[in-house]
């Protein structure tokens, strides 16, 4: 028990929590924005892979780091536009389209890597974002600018969704698209814009892995983070503030299991520690999801003029 409290008292533990949470925050906000407009985006896993690859490749070929982030965002936006075309304009299954986007984006990224580096046995590296050591807060000072961007995106998205006419339009098309159409709102274009913007956030989430957390691109580096983000949106009841809390909670469990594995007197199989963040997150999800109020038009295609 003393060792457990020693872990919690260690500053490096909280630095790790915030670092692990960063891509989850960005990805969860992206999924939340899509679903607030009524569109489920299961393409997040592939979009994060594509964002990680294109952002890293842009920097490797000589672009500045922030241009790499922009490349990742544009890649995510392009894949989001494809998903919106299939689900909003063609009214195809959002589940099938999202899974197809994941498979397509992942395969294209891996293919692009193999074509770009056919004879490389170890991943080439770049110089990633530096820590923000100029900040007075110790935990935040050991993070990179993308973490600060993720934290600032939470209140910004909350403000847009709940305090602006644009946010009201997004929420209307996700709750009652007929009423939105009656007010002169283009349901198709608002949904498309939300999916494109949300997918851009997912691309930036992926770029964090290659431009901040690591300095190279390698296969399976996203490692299911996209699916965690989909679950965290439900945990958050589709609210940005709770999404931040959910991402930090999962990151806390993940960082904790890593340190529990390193304890000298640990006798349990390491697989049990790997299960810890997922099991505890599922428990938290079950406790919260029963009371969650989801967007009423989520996953429901809408055609203008239909009754």
Protein backbone atom coordinates (compact mmCIF):
# COMPACT_ATOMS: atom_id res chain seq x y z
CA UNK A 1 0.00 0.00 0.00
CA UNK A 2 2.86 2.38 0.78
CA UNK A 3 4.31 1.73 -2.66
CA UNK A 4 0.95 2.64 -4.20
CA UNK A 5 0.95 6.02 -2.44
CA UNK A 6 4.58 6.50 -3.45
CA UNK A 7 3.49 6.12 -7.06
CA UNK A 8 0.76 8.74 -6.64
CA UNK A 9 3.20 11.11 -4.92
CA UNK A 10 5.68 10.90 -7.79
CA UNK A 11 5.52 13.82 -10.21
CA UNK A 12 6.65 11.66 -13.12
CA UNK A 13 3.49 9.56 -12.70
CA UNK A 14 1.22 12.55 -13.33
CA UNK A 15 3.40 13.63 -16.24
CA UNK A 16 2.82 10.19 -17.76
CA UNK A 17 -0.93 10.40 -17.11
CA UNK A 18 -1.24 13.65 -19.02
CA UNK A 19 0.96 12.38 -21.84
CA UNK A 20 -1.08 9.18 -22.24
CA UNK A 21 -4.32 11.17 -22.10
CA UNK A 22 -3.41 13.66 -24.84
CA UNK A 23 -4.29 11.58 -27.95
CA UNK A 24 -7.37 10.28 -26.14
CA UNK A 25 -8.56 13.84 -25.45
CA UNK A 26 -8.17 14.90 -29.09
CA UNK A 27 -9.68 11.70 -30.47
CA UNK A 28 -12.61 11.74 -28.06
CA UNK A 29 -13.41 15.35 -28.94
CA UNK A 30 -13.36 14.39 -32.61
CA UNK A 31 -15.79 11.49 -32.09
CA UNK A 32 -17.97 13.66 -29.85
CA UNK A 33 -18.28 16.36 -32.51
CA UNK A 34 -19.28 13.81 -35.16
CA UNK A 35 -21.84 12.14 -32.92
CA UNK A 36 -23.32 15.43 -31.72
CA UNK A 37 -24.24 15.96 -35.37
CA UNK A 38 -25.78 12.48 -35.58
CA UNK A 39 -22.95 10.60 -37.33
CA UNK A 40 -21.08 7.67 -35.81
CA UNK A 41 -17.46 7.65 -37.00
CA UNK A 42 -15.83 4.27 -36.46
CA UNK A 43 -13.10 5.33 -38.87
CA UNK A 44 -11.18 6.94 -36.00
CA UNK A 45 -8.70 4.08 -35.59
CA UNK A 46 -7.61 4.29 -39.23
CA UNK A 47 -7.74 8.08 -39.27
CA UNK A 48 -5.37 8.20 -36.30
CA UNK A 49 -2.98 5.82 -38.09
CA UNK A 50 -3.10 7.95 -41.24
CA UNK A 51 -2.60 11.15 -39.24
CA UNK A 52 0.37 9.63 -37.44
CA UNK A 53 1.96 8.56 -40.73
CA UNK A 54 1.35 11.67 -42.84
CA UNK A 55 2.35 14.05 -40.06
CA UNK A 56 5.56 12.14 -39.43
CA UNK A 57 6.35 11.75 -43.15
CA UNK A 58 5.85 15.48 -43.76
CA UNK A 59 8.33 16.34 -41.00
CA UNK A 60 10.76 13.63 -42.13
CA UNK A 61 10.81 15.15 -45.62
CA UNK A 62 11.71 18.59 -44.22
CA UNK A 63 8.47 20.27 -43.17
CA UNK A 64 8.25 22.12 -39.81
CA UNK A 65 6.57 20.26 -36.97
CA UNK A 66 3.42 22.38 -37.04
CA UNK A 67 3.13 21.80 -40.78
CA UNK A 68 3.27 18.10 -39.99
CA UNK A 69 0.36 18.58 -37.58
CA UNK A 70 -1.52 20.45 -40.32
CA UNK A 71 -0.83 17.61 -42.77
CA UNK A 72 -2.25 15.13 -40.25
CA UNK A 73 -5.33 17.31 -39.78
CA UNK A 74 -5.88 17.58 -43.54
CA UNK A 75 -5.51 13.83 -43.91
CA UNK A 76 -8.12 13.29 -41.22
CA UNK A 77 -10.40 15.88 -42.80
CA UNK A 78 -10.13 14.18 -46.21
CA UNK A 79 -11.04 10.78 -44.75
CA UNK A 80 -13.86 12.43 -42.81
CA UNK A 81 -15.17 13.95 -46.03
CA UNK A 82 -15.24 10.48 -47.58
CA UNK A 83 -17.11 9.12 -44.57
CA UNK A 84 -19.58 12.01 -44.71
CA UNK A 85 -20.18 11.46 -48.42
CA UNK A 86 -20.97 7.79 -47.84
CA UNK A 87 -23.12 8.23 -44.74
CA UNK A 88 -24.71 11.67 -45.09
CA UNK A 89 -25.26 12.06 -48.82
CA UNK A 90 -25.58 8.38 -49.82
CA UNK A 91 -27.17 7.36 -46.47
CA UNK A 92 -25.10 4.17 -46.26
CA UNK A 93 -24.51 2.28 -43.03
CA UNK A 94 -22.41 4.37 -40.67
CA UNK A 95 -20.98 1.23 -39.06
CA UNK A 96 -19.86 -0.31 -42.34
CA UNK A 97 -18.51 2.97 -43.73
CA UNK A 98 -16.54 3.70 -40.55
CA UNK A 99 -14.97 0.25 -40.43
CA UNK A 100 -14.19 0.55 -44.15
CA UNK A 101 -12.45 3.89 -43.54
CA UNK A 102 -10.39 2.30 -40.77
CA UNK A 103 -9.29 -0.57 -43.01
CA UNK A 104 -8.59 1.74 -45.97
CA UNK A 105 -6.65 4.36 -44.02
CA UNK A 106 -4.60 1.77 -42.13
CA UNK A 107 -3.74 -0.18 -45.28
CA UNK A 108 -2.81 2.97 -47.23
CA UNK A 109 -0.58 4.18 -44.39
CA UNK A 110 1.26 0.89 -44.10
CA UNK A 111 1.58 0.68 -47.89
CA UNK A 112 2.88 4.24 -48.05
CA UNK A 113 5.47 3.44 -45.40
CA UNK A 114 6.65 0.32 -47.24
CA UNK A 115 6.88 2.19 -50.54
CA UNK A 116 8.71 5.14 -48.98
CA UNK A 117 11.16 2.97 -47.02
CA UNK A 118 11.45 -0.38 -48.83
CA UNK A 119 14.87 -1.34 -47.45
CA UNK A 120 14.72 0.09 -43.93
CA UNK A 121 14.78 -2.39 -41.05
CA UNK A 122 14.36 0.17 -38.25
CA UNK A 123 11.98 3.16 -38.47
CA UNK A 124 13.70 6.45 -39.40
CA UNK A 125 13.47 9.11 -36.71
CA UNK A 126 12.74 12.83 -36.55
CA UNK A 127 13.23 15.55 -33.95
CA UNK A 128 9.85 15.75 -32.14
CA UNK A 129 8.27 18.66 -30.28
CA UNK A 130 10.29 19.87 -27.31
CA UNK A 131 8.91 20.11 -23.80
CA UNK A 132 7.39 23.42 -22.69
CA UNK A 133 9.93 23.99 -19.91
CA UNK A 134 9.07 27.70 -19.86
CA UNK A 135 5.75 27.00 -18.15
CA UNK A 136 5.57 27.47 -14.35
CA UNK A 137 3.47 24.31 -13.78
CA UNK A 138 5.86 21.36 -13.36
CA UNK A 139 3.59 18.65 -14.80
CA UNK A 140 2.56 20.74 -17.80
CA UNK A 141 6.12 22.00 -18.34
CA UNK A 142 7.21 18.45 -19.15
CA UNK A 143 4.60 18.14 -21.91
CA UNK A 144 4.74 19.25 -25.53
CA UNK A 145 2.61 21.95 -27.22
CA UNK A 146 0.17 19.35 -28.57
CA UNK A 147 -0.85 18.52 -25.00
CA UNK A 148 -1.58 22.19 -24.36
CA UNK A 149 -3.53 22.26 -27.63
CA UNK A 150 -5.61 19.28 -26.48
CA UNK A 151 -6.39 20.88 -23.12
CA UNK A 152 -7.38 24.17 -24.75
CA UNK A 153 -9.56 22.35 -27.29
CA UNK A 154 -11.87 21.13 -24.51
CA UNK A 155 -13.27 24.52 -23.38
CA UNK A 156 -13.16 25.78 -26.96
CA UNK A 157 -15.36 22.94 -28.23
CA UNK A 158 -17.67 23.28 -25.23
CA UNK A 159 -18.08 26.99 -25.98
CA UNK A 160 -18.77 26.38 -29.67
CA UNK A 161 -21.31 23.62 -29.01
CA UNK A 162 -23.27 25.32 -26.24
CA UNK A 163 -22.74 29.06 -26.70
CA UNK A 164 -22.77 29.72 -30.45
CA UNK A 165 -25.37 29.48 -33.25
CA UNK A 166 -23.08 27.04 -35.08
CA UNK A 167 -23.04 24.74 -32.07
CA UNK A 168 -26.81 24.97 -31.79
CA UNK A 169 -27.11 23.92 -35.44
CA UNK A 170 -24.79 20.95 -34.84
CA UNK A 171 -26.82 19.82 -31.84
CA UNK A 172 -30.12 20.34 -33.69
CA UNK A 173 -29.15 18.11 -36.62
CA UNK A 174 -28.06 15.47 -34.12
CA UNK A 175 -31.28 15.66 -32.09
CA UNK A 176 -34.06 16.62 -34.52
CA UNK A 177 -32.96 17.12 -38.13
CA UNK A 178 -36.52 17.85 -39.27
CA UNK A 179 -36.74 20.77 -36.86
CA UNK A 180 -33.33 21.97 -38.03
CA UNK A 181 -34.46 21.82 -41.64
CA UNK A 182 -37.58 23.76 -40.69
CA UNK A 183 -35.35 26.54 -39.37
CA UNK A 184 -33.47 26.74 -42.65
CA UNK A 185 -30.47 24.70 -41.52
CA UNK A 186 -28.87 22.42 -44.12
CA UNK A 187 -28.69 19.10 -42.27
CA UNK A 188 -26.38 17.51 -44.84
CA UNK A 189 -23.83 20.30 -44.83
CA UNK A 190 -23.81 20.78 -41.06
CA UNK A 191 -23.30 17.07 -40.56
CA UNK A 192 -20.59 17.03 -43.20
CA UNK A 193 -18.78 19.96 -41.59
CA UNK A 194 -18.95 18.31 -38.17
CA UNK A 195 -17.58 15.01 -39.49
CA UNK A 196 -14.77 16.74 -41.38
CA UNK A 197 -13.79 18.87 -38.36
CA UNK A 198 -14.06 15.92 -35.98
CA UNK A 199 -11.94 13.75 -38.26
CA UNK A 200 -9.32 16.49 -38.44
CA UNK A 201 -9.06 16.32 -34.64
CA UNK A 202 -8.62 12.55 -34.93
CA UNK A 203 -5.77 13.10 -37.40
CA UNK A 204 -4.08 15.49 -34.97
CA UNK A 205 -4.52 12.87 -32.23
CA UNK A 206 -2.60 10.42 -34.37
CA UNK A 207 0.14 12.95 -35.12
CA UNK A 208 0.79 13.33 -31.39
CA UNK A 209 2.10 9.77 -31.32
CA UNK A 210 4.77 10.37 -33.97
CA UNK A 211 5.56 14.06 -33.39
CA UNK A 212 5.47 14.19 -29.57
CA UNK A 213 5.19 10.86 -27.76
CA UNK A 214 7.67 9.13 -30.10
CA UNK A 215 9.94 10.25 -32.91
CA UNK A 216 9.14 7.57 -35.49
CA UNK A 217 6.25 5.76 -37.16
CA UNK A 218 5.80 2.05 -36.62
CA UNK A 219 2.99 -0.41 -37.22
CA UNK A 220 0.27 -0.87 -34.59
CA UNK A 221 1.33 2.25 -32.69
CA UNK A 222 -2.27 3.48 -32.37
CA UNK A 223 -3.02 0.17 -30.64
CA UNK A 224 -6.78 0.52 -30.16
CA UNK A 225 -6.78 4.09 -28.88
CA UNK A 226 -9.46 4.97 -31.42
CA UNK A 227 -11.88 2.41 -30.00
CA UNK A 228 -11.20 3.70 -26.50
CA UNK A 229 -12.19 7.19 -27.70
CA UNK A 230 -15.51 5.87 -29.02
CA UNK A 231 -16.26 4.38 -25.59
CA UNK A 232 -15.13 7.53 -23.78
CA UNK A 233 -17.72 9.60 -25.65
CA UNK A 234 -20.46 7.47 -24.11
CA UNK A 235 -18.80 7.77 -20.71
CA UNK A 236 -18.73 11.54 -21.18
CA UNK A 237 -22.43 11.72 -22.09
CA UNK A 238 -21.38 13.65 -25.20
CA UNK A 239 -19.97 16.58 -23.19
CA UNK A 240 -16.41 17.89 -23.71
CA UNK A 241 -15.67 18.46 -20.01
CA UNK A 242 -16.58 14.90 -19.11
CA UNK A 243 -14.62 13.69 -22.13
CA UNK A 244 -11.51 15.25 -20.60
CA UNK A 245 -12.28 13.53 -17.30
CA UNK A 246 -12.77 10.16 -19.00
CA UNK A 247 -9.50 10.44 -20.94
CA UNK A 248 -7.60 11.33 -17.77
CA UNK A 249 -9.25 8.46 -15.90
CA UNK A 250 -8.22 5.89 -18.50
CA UNK A 251 -4.72 7.38 -18.68
CA UNK A 252 -4.49 7.19 -14.88
CA UNK A 253 -5.24 3.46 -14.92
CA UNK A 254 -2.86 2.89 -17.83
CA UNK A 255 0.02 4.74 -16.18
CA UNK A 256 -0.70 2.94 -12.92
CA UNK A 257 -0.55 -0.53 -14.45
CA UNK A 258 2.81 0.30 -16.06
CA UNK A 259 4.27 1.18 -12.67
CA UNK A 260 2.67 -1.77 -10.92
CA UNK A 261 4.41 -4.04 -13.40
CA UNK A 262 7.74 -2.46 -12.48
CA UNK A 263 7.34 -3.05 -8.76
CA UNK A 264 9.95 -5.49 -7.57
CA UNK A 265 7.60 -7.62 -5.48
CA UNK A 266 4.89 -7.94 -8.14
CA UNK A 267 3.90 -11.60 -8.38
CA UNK A 268 0.83 -11.39 -10.61
CA UNK A 269 1.14 -12.10 -14.36
CA UNK A 270 1.76 -8.92 -16.34
CA UNK A 271 -1.36 -9.61 -18.44
CA UNK A 272 -3.50 -8.81 -15.40
CA UNK A 273 -1.87 -5.40 -15.13
CA UNK A 274 -2.44 -4.80 -18.84
CA UNK A 275 -6.14 -5.57 -18.30
CA UNK A 276 -6.46 -3.08 -15.43
CA UNK A 277 -7.21 0.15 -17.37
CA UNK A 278 -9.69 -1.60 -19.66
CA UNK A 279 -11.54 -3.45 -16.91
CA UNK A 280 -11.83 -0.39 -14.69
CA UNK A 281 -12.87 1.76 -17.65
CA UNK A 282 -15.58 -0.76 -18.58
CA UNK A 283 -16.87 -0.67 -15.02
CA UNK A 284 -16.95 3.14 -15.08
CA UNK A 285 -18.63 3.06 -18.49
CA UNK A 286 -21.35 0.69 -17.29
CA UNK A 287 -22.06 2.83 -14.23
CA UNK A 288 -22.34 6.03 -16.26
CA UNK A 289 -23.75 4.89 -19.61
CA UNK A 290 -27.13 3.84 -18.20
CA UNK A 291 -27.88 7.48 -17.39
CA UNK A 292 -26.33 8.92 -20.55
CA UNK A 293 -28.55 10.97 -22.83
CA UNK A 294 -27.42 10.32 -26.39
CA UNK A 295 -28.25 12.44 -29.49
CA UNK A 296 -31.66 11.21 -30.64
CA UNK A 297 -30.79 11.21 -34.35
CA UNK A 298 -27.45 9.43 -33.90
CA UNK A 299 -26.87 6.86 -36.70
CA UNK A 300 -30.17 7.80 -38.36
CA UNK A 301 -29.79 8.84 -42.03
CA UNK A 302 -31.78 11.89 -43.07
CA UNK A 303 -32.91 12.96 -46.51
CA UNK A 304 -34.19 16.45 -47.08
CA UNK A 305 -37.96 16.67 -47.31
CA UNK A 306 -38.60 13.17 -45.93
CA UNK A 307 -41.47 12.73 -43.45
